N, C-alpha and C. Protein backbone atom coordinates (compact mmCIF):
# COMPACT_ATOMS: atom_id res chain seq x y z
N UNK A 1 0.83 -1.19 0.00
CA UNK A 1 0.00 0.00 0.00
C UNK A 1 0.86 1.24 0.00
N UNK A 2 0.59 2.11 -0.92
CA UNK A 2 1.29 3.39 -0.97
C UNK A 2 0.59 4.43 -0.12
N UNK A 3 1.23 5.54 0.03
CA UNK A 3 0.63 6.65 0.76
C UNK A 3 -0.34 7.35 -0.18
N UNK A 4 -1.58 7.36 0.22
CA UNK A 4 -2.62 8.02 -0.57
C UNK A 4 -3.25 9.11 0.28
N UNK A 5 -3.93 10.06 -0.35
CA UNK A 5 -4.62 11.08 0.46
C UNK A 5 -5.61 10.46 1.44
N UNK A 6 -6.23 9.34 1.06
CA UNK A 6 -7.19 8.68 1.95
C UNK A 6 -6.48 8.12 3.18
N UNK A 7 -5.29 7.50 2.98
CA UNK A 7 -4.53 6.97 4.12
C UNK A 7 -4.11 8.09 5.06
N UNK A 8 -3.67 9.21 4.49
CA UNK A 8 -3.25 10.34 5.31
C UNK A 8 -4.44 10.86 6.12
N UNK A 9 -5.59 11.00 5.46
CA UNK A 9 -6.79 11.46 6.17
C UNK A 9 -7.18 10.50 7.29
N UNK A 10 -7.16 9.22 7.00
CA UNK A 10 -7.52 8.22 8.01
C UNK A 10 -6.55 8.30 9.19
N UNK A 11 -5.27 8.41 8.91
CA UNK A 11 -4.28 8.52 9.99
C UNK A 11 -4.51 9.77 10.84
N UNK A 12 -4.84 10.88 10.20
CA UNK A 12 -5.11 12.12 10.95
C UNK A 12 -6.38 11.99 11.79
N UNK A 13 -7.38 11.30 11.25
CA UNK A 13 -8.62 11.08 11.99
C UNK A 13 -8.35 10.24 13.25
N UNK A 14 -7.63 9.14 13.08
CA UNK A 14 -7.31 8.28 14.23
C UNK A 14 -6.44 9.05 15.22
N UNK A 15 -5.48 9.83 14.71
CA UNK A 15 -4.61 10.64 15.59
C UNK A 15 -5.47 11.60 16.42
N UNK A 16 -6.42 12.28 15.77
CA UNK A 16 -7.24 13.24 16.49
C UNK A 16 -8.15 12.57 17.51
N UNK A 17 -8.64 11.37 17.20
CA UNK A 17 -9.47 10.64 18.17
C UNK A 17 -8.67 10.23 19.41
N UNK A 18 -7.39 10.00 19.23
CA UNK A 18 -6.57 9.46 20.33
C UNK A 18 -5.62 10.48 20.95
N UNK A 19 -5.81 11.75 20.65
CA UNK A 19 -4.95 12.79 21.24
C UNK A 19 -5.14 12.85 22.76
N UNK A 20 -4.08 13.17 23.49
CA UNK A 20 -4.21 13.32 24.94
C UNK A 20 -5.26 14.37 25.33
N UNK A 21 -5.40 15.42 24.53
CA UNK A 21 -6.39 16.45 24.84
C UNK A 21 -7.82 15.91 24.85
N UNK A 22 -8.10 14.95 23.97
CA UNK A 22 -9.43 14.34 23.96
C UNK A 22 -9.64 13.57 25.25
N UNK A 23 -8.65 12.80 25.64
CA UNK A 23 -8.73 12.04 26.88
C UNK A 23 -8.94 12.98 28.07
N UNK A 24 -8.18 14.08 28.10
CA UNK A 24 -8.32 15.03 29.21
C UNK A 24 -9.69 15.71 29.20
N UNK A 25 -10.21 16.01 28.00
CA UNK A 25 -11.55 16.57 27.88
C UNK A 25 -12.60 15.62 28.45
N UNK A 26 -12.50 14.35 28.08
CA UNK A 26 -13.46 13.35 28.55
C UNK A 26 -13.34 13.19 30.06
N UNK A 27 -12.12 13.06 30.53
CA UNK A 27 -11.90 12.87 31.96
C UNK A 27 -12.31 14.11 32.76
N UNK A 28 -11.81 15.28 32.36
CA UNK A 28 -12.12 16.51 33.08
C UNK A 28 -13.59 16.87 33.00
N UNK A 29 -14.17 16.78 31.80
CA UNK A 29 -15.58 17.10 31.65
C UNK A 29 -16.47 16.14 32.42
N UNK A 30 -16.12 14.86 32.38
CA UNK A 30 -16.89 13.87 33.12
C UNK A 30 -16.83 14.11 34.62
N UNK A 31 -15.63 14.44 35.11
CA UNK A 31 -15.49 14.72 36.55
C UNK A 31 -16.23 15.99 36.96
N UNK A 32 -16.16 17.03 36.12
CA UNK A 32 -16.92 18.25 36.42
C UNK A 32 -18.42 17.98 36.42
N UNK A 33 -18.88 17.20 35.45
CA UNK A 33 -20.30 16.84 35.41
C UNK A 33 -20.68 16.04 36.65
N UNK A 34 -19.80 15.16 37.11
CA UNK A 34 -20.06 14.35 38.30
C UNK A 34 -20.16 15.26 39.53
N UNK A 35 -19.22 16.19 39.66
CA UNK A 35 -19.23 17.09 40.81
C UNK A 35 -20.47 17.99 40.83
N UNK A 36 -20.93 18.38 39.65
CA UNK A 36 -22.12 19.24 39.59
C UNK A 36 -23.40 18.43 39.40
N UNK A 37 -23.25 17.09 39.40
CA UNK A 37 -24.38 16.15 39.27
C UNK A 37 -25.23 16.45 38.05
N UNK A 38 -24.58 16.63 36.89
CA UNK A 38 -25.29 16.86 35.64
C UNK A 38 -25.11 15.66 34.73
N UNK A 39 -26.14 15.05 34.28
CA UNK A 39 -27.52 15.19 34.73
C UNK A 39 -27.74 14.51 36.08
N UNK A 40 -28.61 15.09 36.87
CA UNK A 40 -28.84 14.60 38.24
C UNK A 40 -29.47 13.21 38.25
N UNK A 41 -30.19 12.87 37.20
CA UNK A 41 -30.85 11.57 37.14
C UNK A 41 -29.85 10.42 37.08
N UNK A 42 -28.59 10.70 36.78
CA UNK A 42 -27.57 9.65 36.70
C UNK A 42 -26.94 9.35 38.05
N UNK A 43 -27.30 10.10 39.08
CA UNK A 43 -26.79 9.84 40.41
C UNK A 43 -25.34 10.25 40.56
N UNK A 44 -24.82 10.02 41.78
CA UNK A 44 -23.44 10.42 42.06
C UNK A 44 -22.57 9.23 42.42
N UNK A 45 -22.95 8.05 41.94
CA UNK A 45 -22.18 6.84 42.20
C UNK A 45 -21.27 6.52 41.01
N UNK A 46 -20.61 5.38 41.07
CA UNK A 46 -19.69 4.97 40.00
C UNK A 46 -20.41 4.80 38.67
N UNK A 47 -21.65 4.31 38.71
CA UNK A 47 -22.42 4.15 37.47
C UNK A 47 -22.69 5.50 36.82
N UNK A 48 -23.03 6.50 37.63
CA UNK A 48 -23.26 7.84 37.10
C UNK A 48 -22.00 8.43 36.49
N UNK A 49 -20.86 8.20 37.16
CA UNK A 49 -19.59 8.69 36.63
C UNK A 49 -19.26 8.01 35.30
N UNK A 50 -19.48 6.71 35.22
CA UNK A 50 -19.22 5.99 33.97
C UNK A 50 -20.11 6.51 32.85
N UNK A 51 -21.36 6.79 33.15
CA UNK A 51 -22.27 7.35 32.14
C UNK A 51 -21.79 8.72 31.67
N UNK A 52 -21.30 9.53 32.60
CA UNK A 52 -20.81 10.86 32.25
C UNK A 52 -19.55 10.77 31.38
N UNK A 53 -18.64 9.86 31.73
CA UNK A 53 -17.47 9.65 30.88
C UNK A 53 -17.90 9.18 29.49
N UNK A 54 -18.84 8.25 29.45
CA UNK A 54 -19.33 7.74 28.16
C UNK A 54 -19.98 8.83 27.33
N UNK A 55 -20.73 9.70 27.97
CA UNK A 55 -21.38 10.81 27.28
C UNK A 55 -20.34 11.73 26.66
N UNK A 56 -19.33 12.08 27.45
CA UNK A 56 -18.27 12.96 26.95
C UNK A 56 -17.46 12.30 25.83
N UNK A 57 -17.18 11.01 25.97
CA UNK A 57 -16.42 10.29 24.94
C UNK A 57 -17.21 10.21 23.64
N UNK A 58 -18.50 9.95 23.73
CA UNK A 58 -19.33 9.89 22.53
C UNK A 58 -19.42 11.25 21.88
N UNK A 59 -19.56 12.30 22.67
CA UNK A 59 -19.60 13.65 22.13
C UNK A 59 -18.30 13.94 21.36
N UNK A 60 -17.17 13.58 21.93
CA UNK A 60 -15.88 13.81 21.27
C UNK A 60 -15.79 13.03 19.96
N UNK A 61 -16.25 11.77 19.98
CA UNK A 61 -16.20 10.95 18.76
C UNK A 61 -17.08 11.53 17.66
N UNK A 62 -18.26 12.00 18.03
CA UNK A 62 -19.16 12.63 17.04
C UNK A 62 -18.52 13.89 16.50
N UNK A 63 -18.01 14.72 17.37
CA UNK A 63 -17.41 15.98 16.95
C UNK A 63 -16.26 15.75 15.97
N UNK A 64 -15.36 14.87 16.31
CA UNK A 64 -14.19 14.60 15.46
C UNK A 64 -14.62 13.93 14.16
N UNK A 65 -15.58 13.03 14.23
CA UNK A 65 -16.04 12.33 13.02
C UNK A 65 -16.73 13.27 12.05
N UNK A 66 -17.59 14.15 12.55
CA UNK A 66 -18.25 15.13 11.68
C UNK A 66 -17.23 16.08 11.08
N UNK A 67 -16.31 16.55 11.90
CA UNK A 67 -15.29 17.47 11.40
C UNK A 67 -14.46 16.83 10.28
N UNK A 68 -13.97 15.65 10.52
CA UNK A 68 -13.13 15.00 9.52
C UNK A 68 -13.94 14.58 8.29
N UNK A 69 -15.16 14.13 8.51
CA UNK A 69 -16.00 13.75 7.37
C UNK A 69 -16.30 14.93 6.46
N UNK A 70 -16.71 16.05 7.05
CA UNK A 70 -16.97 17.24 6.24
C UNK A 70 -15.71 17.77 5.59
N UNK A 71 -14.60 17.74 6.32
CA UNK A 71 -13.34 18.21 5.75
C UNK A 71 -12.96 17.37 4.53
N UNK A 72 -13.19 16.07 4.60
CA UNK A 72 -12.87 15.20 3.46
C UNK A 72 -13.75 15.54 2.26
N UNK A 73 -15.04 15.71 2.50
CA UNK A 73 -15.98 16.03 1.42
C UNK A 73 -15.68 17.40 0.82
N UNK A 74 -15.29 18.34 1.67
CA UNK A 74 -15.02 19.71 1.22
C UNK A 74 -13.56 19.92 0.80
N UNK A 75 -12.74 18.87 0.89
CA UNK A 75 -11.32 18.95 0.54
C UNK A 75 -10.60 20.01 1.37
N UNK A 76 -10.83 19.94 2.69
CA UNK A 76 -10.22 20.89 3.61
C UNK A 76 -9.25 20.16 4.53
N UNK A 77 -8.29 20.89 5.04
CA UNK A 77 -7.33 20.36 6.00
C UNK A 77 -7.93 20.42 7.40
N UNK A 78 -7.56 19.46 8.24
CA UNK A 78 -7.97 19.49 9.64
C UNK A 78 -6.80 19.82 10.55
N UNK A 79 -5.63 20.03 9.97
CA UNK A 79 -4.43 20.29 10.77
C UNK A 79 -4.29 21.77 11.11
N UNK A 80 -3.78 22.01 12.29
CA UNK A 80 -3.42 23.36 12.70
C UNK A 80 -2.17 23.73 11.91
N UNK A 81 -2.19 24.88 11.28
CA UNK A 81 -1.03 25.36 10.52
C UNK A 81 -0.25 26.34 11.40
N UNK A 82 0.95 25.94 11.85
CA UNK A 82 1.72 26.83 12.72
C UNK A 82 2.11 28.12 12.02
N UNK A 83 2.34 29.12 12.81
CA UNK A 83 2.70 30.45 12.30
C UNK A 83 4.21 30.58 12.18
N UNK A 84 4.65 31.13 11.06
CA UNK A 84 6.06 31.47 10.91
C UNK A 84 6.29 32.94 11.24
N UNK A 85 5.24 33.58 11.73
CA UNK A 85 5.32 35.01 12.01
C UNK A 85 6.05 35.25 13.33
N UNK A 86 6.43 36.50 13.54
CA UNK A 86 7.13 36.90 14.77
C UNK A 86 6.37 38.05 15.41
N UNK A 87 6.46 38.11 16.70
CA UNK A 87 5.81 39.19 17.42
C UNK A 87 4.51 38.74 18.06
N UNK A 88 4.19 39.38 19.14
CA UNK A 88 3.03 39.04 19.95
C UNK A 88 1.71 39.15 19.17
N UNK A 89 1.47 40.30 18.58
CA UNK A 89 0.21 40.54 17.87
C UNK A 89 -0.02 39.59 16.69
N UNK A 90 0.96 39.44 15.81
CA UNK A 90 0.77 38.54 14.68
C UNK A 90 0.53 37.09 15.10
N UNK A 91 1.19 36.65 16.16
CA UNK A 91 1.00 35.27 16.60
C UNK A 91 -0.38 35.06 17.22
N UNK A 92 -0.87 36.04 17.96
CA UNK A 92 -2.22 35.95 18.50
C UNK A 92 -3.24 35.96 17.36
N UNK A 93 -3.04 36.86 16.42
CA UNK A 93 -3.94 36.93 15.26
C UNK A 93 -3.97 35.62 14.50
N UNK A 94 -2.81 35.01 14.32
CA UNK A 94 -2.75 33.74 13.61
C UNK A 94 -3.50 32.65 14.38
N UNK A 95 -3.29 32.58 15.68
CA UNK A 95 -3.95 31.57 16.50
C UNK A 95 -5.47 31.71 16.42
N UNK A 96 -5.97 32.92 16.45
CA UNK A 96 -7.42 33.15 16.34
C UNK A 96 -7.92 32.79 14.95
N UNK A 97 -7.15 33.13 13.94
CA UNK A 97 -7.51 32.79 12.57
C UNK A 97 -7.59 31.28 12.38
N UNK A 98 -6.64 30.55 12.95
CA UNK A 98 -6.62 29.09 12.84
C UNK A 98 -7.80 28.44 13.57
N UNK A 99 -8.35 29.13 14.55
CA UNK A 99 -9.49 28.58 15.29
C UNK A 99 -10.74 28.52 14.43
N UNK A 100 -10.92 29.50 13.56
CA UNK A 100 -12.18 29.61 12.83
C UNK A 100 -12.05 29.44 11.32
N UNK A 101 -10.85 29.13 10.84
CA UNK A 101 -10.66 28.90 9.41
C UNK A 101 -9.85 27.63 9.20
N UNK A 102 -9.86 27.16 7.97
CA UNK A 102 -8.99 26.06 7.59
C UNK A 102 -8.57 26.27 6.15
N UNK A 103 -7.72 25.40 5.67
CA UNK A 103 -7.19 25.54 4.32
C UNK A 103 -7.79 24.50 3.39
N UNK A 104 -8.06 24.96 2.17
CA UNK A 104 -8.56 24.07 1.14
C UNK A 104 -7.42 23.40 0.41
N UNK A 105 -7.77 22.56 -0.56
CA UNK A 105 -6.77 21.83 -1.34
C UNK A 105 -5.85 22.79 -2.09
N UNK A 106 -6.35 23.96 -2.42
CA UNK A 106 -5.55 24.95 -3.15
C UNK A 106 -4.68 25.81 -2.22
N UNK A 107 -4.77 25.56 -0.90
CA UNK A 107 -4.00 26.33 0.07
C UNK A 107 -4.70 27.57 0.57
N UNK A 108 -5.84 27.92 -0.07
CA UNK A 108 -6.58 29.09 0.35
C UNK A 108 -7.30 28.87 1.67
N UNK A 109 -7.49 29.94 2.40
CA UNK A 109 -8.14 29.89 3.71
C UNK A 109 -9.62 30.23 3.58
N UNK A 110 -10.46 29.52 4.36
CA UNK A 110 -11.89 29.78 4.35
C UNK A 110 -12.45 29.50 5.75
N UNK A 111 -13.62 30.06 6.02
CA UNK A 111 -14.32 29.79 7.28
C UNK A 111 -14.43 28.28 7.46
N UNK A 112 -14.12 27.78 8.65
CA UNK A 112 -14.08 26.34 8.89
C UNK A 112 -15.45 25.76 9.22
N UNK A 113 -16.20 25.50 8.17
CA UNK A 113 -17.49 24.84 8.34
C UNK A 113 -17.31 23.48 9.04
N UNK A 114 -16.31 22.66 8.65
CA UNK A 114 -16.14 21.37 9.33
C UNK A 114 -15.90 21.50 10.83
N UNK A 115 -15.06 22.44 11.24
CA UNK A 115 -14.77 22.58 12.68
C UNK A 115 -16.00 23.04 13.45
N UNK A 116 -16.69 24.04 12.93
CA UNK A 116 -17.85 24.58 13.62
C UNK A 116 -18.99 23.56 13.64
N UNK A 117 -19.25 22.94 12.49
CA UNK A 117 -20.32 21.93 12.42
C UNK A 117 -20.01 20.75 13.33
N UNK A 118 -18.75 20.33 13.37
CA UNK A 118 -18.37 19.22 14.24
C UNK A 118 -18.59 19.56 15.70
N UNK A 119 -18.21 20.76 16.10
CA UNK A 119 -18.39 21.17 17.49
C UNK A 119 -19.86 21.16 17.90
N UNK A 120 -20.71 21.73 17.04
CA UNK A 120 -22.14 21.76 17.37
C UNK A 120 -22.79 20.39 17.26
N UNK A 121 -22.35 19.57 16.30
CA UNK A 121 -22.90 18.20 16.18
C UNK A 121 -22.56 17.39 17.42
N UNK A 122 -21.34 17.52 17.91
CA UNK A 122 -20.96 16.80 19.13
C UNK A 122 -21.82 17.21 20.30
N UNK A 123 -22.01 18.51 20.47
CA UNK A 123 -22.85 18.99 21.56
C UNK A 123 -24.30 18.55 21.42
N UNK A 124 -24.82 18.65 20.20
CA UNK A 124 -26.22 18.27 19.97
C UNK A 124 -26.43 16.76 20.13
N UNK A 125 -25.40 15.97 19.89
CA UNK A 125 -25.55 14.52 20.02
C UNK A 125 -25.93 14.13 21.44
N UNK A 126 -25.48 14.89 22.41
CA UNK A 126 -25.79 14.56 23.80
C UNK A 126 -27.28 14.70 24.12
N UNK A 127 -28.01 15.43 23.30
CA UNK A 127 -29.46 15.55 23.53
C UNK A 127 -30.15 14.19 23.43
N UNK A 128 -29.55 13.26 22.70
CA UNK A 128 -30.15 11.93 22.53
C UNK A 128 -30.21 11.16 23.84
N UNK A 129 -29.24 11.32 24.72
CA UNK A 129 -29.23 10.58 25.98
C UNK A 129 -29.28 11.47 27.22
N UNK A 130 -29.34 12.77 26.99
CA UNK A 130 -29.50 13.72 28.09
C UNK A 130 -30.69 14.63 27.76
N UNK A 131 -31.90 14.11 27.81
CA UNK A 131 -33.07 14.87 27.36
C UNK A 131 -33.35 16.14 28.16
N UNK A 132 -32.80 16.26 29.36
CA UNK A 132 -33.04 17.47 30.14
C UNK A 132 -32.22 18.65 29.62
N UNK A 133 -31.22 18.38 28.77
CA UNK A 133 -30.44 19.47 28.15
C UNK A 133 -31.30 20.14 27.10
N UNK A 134 -31.04 21.41 26.87
CA UNK A 134 -31.78 22.13 25.84
C UNK A 134 -30.83 22.54 24.73
N UNK A 135 -31.39 22.90 23.60
CA UNK A 135 -30.59 23.38 22.48
C UNK A 135 -29.84 24.65 22.90
N UNK A 136 -30.46 25.48 23.71
CA UNK A 136 -29.80 26.68 24.21
C UNK A 136 -28.58 26.34 25.05
N UNK A 137 -28.69 25.30 25.93
CA UNK A 137 -27.54 24.86 26.72
C UNK A 137 -26.40 24.42 25.81
N UNK A 138 -26.77 23.65 24.77
CA UNK A 138 -25.77 23.14 23.83
C UNK A 138 -25.11 24.30 23.09
N UNK A 139 -25.90 25.25 22.63
CA UNK A 139 -25.34 26.39 21.89
C UNK A 139 -24.37 27.18 22.77
N UNK A 140 -24.75 27.41 24.01
CA UNK A 140 -23.88 28.15 24.92
C UNK A 140 -22.60 27.38 25.21
N UNK A 141 -22.71 26.11 25.57
CA UNK A 141 -21.51 25.35 25.93
C UNK A 141 -20.60 25.14 24.72
N UNK A 142 -21.17 24.98 23.53
CA UNK A 142 -20.35 24.80 22.34
C UNK A 142 -19.64 26.10 21.97
N UNK A 143 -20.33 27.20 22.08
CA UNK A 143 -19.71 28.50 21.79
C UNK A 143 -18.59 28.77 22.78
N UNK A 144 -18.79 28.47 24.06
CA UNK A 144 -17.73 28.62 25.06
C UNK A 144 -16.56 27.70 24.74
N UNK A 145 -16.87 26.49 24.30
CA UNK A 145 -15.82 25.53 23.93
C UNK A 145 -14.95 26.07 22.79
N UNK A 146 -15.58 26.68 21.80
CA UNK A 146 -14.82 27.28 20.70
C UNK A 146 -13.95 28.43 21.21
N UNK A 147 -14.47 29.18 22.17
CA UNK A 147 -13.67 30.24 22.79
C UNK A 147 -12.46 29.69 23.52
N UNK A 148 -12.64 28.57 24.24
CA UNK A 148 -11.51 27.94 24.92
C UNK A 148 -10.50 27.40 23.91
N UNK A 149 -10.99 26.88 22.78
CA UNK A 149 -10.07 26.43 21.73
C UNK A 149 -9.21 27.59 21.26
N UNK A 150 -9.83 28.74 21.08
CA UNK A 150 -9.08 29.93 20.66
C UNK A 150 -8.02 30.28 21.70
N UNK A 151 -8.38 30.24 22.97
CA UNK A 151 -7.40 30.54 24.04
C UNK A 151 -6.26 29.53 24.05
N UNK A 152 -6.57 28.25 23.88
CA UNK A 152 -5.53 27.22 23.84
C UNK A 152 -4.62 27.42 22.63
N UNK A 153 -5.20 27.81 21.49
CA UNK A 153 -4.38 28.08 20.31
C UNK A 153 -3.45 29.27 20.55
N UNK A 154 -3.96 30.31 21.19
CA UNK A 154 -3.14 31.47 21.51
C UNK A 154 -2.00 31.04 22.45
N UNK A 155 -2.34 30.31 23.48
CA UNK A 155 -1.32 29.84 24.43
C UNK A 155 -0.29 28.97 23.72
N UNK A 156 -0.74 28.12 22.83
CA UNK A 156 0.18 27.25 22.09
C UNK A 156 1.12 28.03 21.20
N UNK A 157 0.60 29.06 20.54
CA UNK A 157 1.46 29.90 19.70
C UNK A 157 2.47 30.67 20.52
N UNK A 158 2.03 31.21 21.64
CA UNK A 158 2.92 32.04 22.45
C UNK A 158 3.99 31.22 23.19
N UNK A 159 3.68 29.95 23.49
CA UNK A 159 4.66 29.12 24.18
C UNK A 159 5.48 28.27 23.22
N UNK A 160 5.11 28.28 21.96
CA UNK A 160 5.83 27.48 20.97
C UNK A 160 5.33 26.05 20.86
N UNK A 161 4.26 25.69 21.57
CA UNK A 161 3.75 24.32 21.52
C UNK A 161 3.02 24.03 20.20
N UNK A 162 2.60 25.05 19.47
CA UNK A 162 1.88 24.84 18.21
C UNK A 162 2.85 24.80 17.03
N UNK A 163 4.12 24.86 17.27
CA UNK A 163 5.10 24.89 16.16
C UNK A 163 5.46 23.52 15.72
């Protein structure tokens, strides 16, 4: 088997599913949900914690799958493109730009429909097993999540971790 665009995409998809950040999101989010007893109907025992971890893991899988699927159909990159720029302002600007845009096959930049759709699809997927959640809750938490992504991108650019 040679290296094909499909193999590269599949490898990037698997890489994104297994990133440490996904694990930390599932673990941290599940623990926060457990501490705040959300949803309360799941109780505060080990079974409730397992359900919360499962909910967060499924949300992450949906989010990443939708993002990569749409990116493949739209011929878009899912990789963060590090900045070769210098200076505080340009690096912050680049990090914010990378949060909401991606690159097409021609190298041009466009609004990242795959990233945004994936984030909202992941959040909305939880409505299937958490009926007490509302679309408004999902919209708020997903929008906040995108804001945190922007902050992490800025931190990564400024510390050199995104290079």
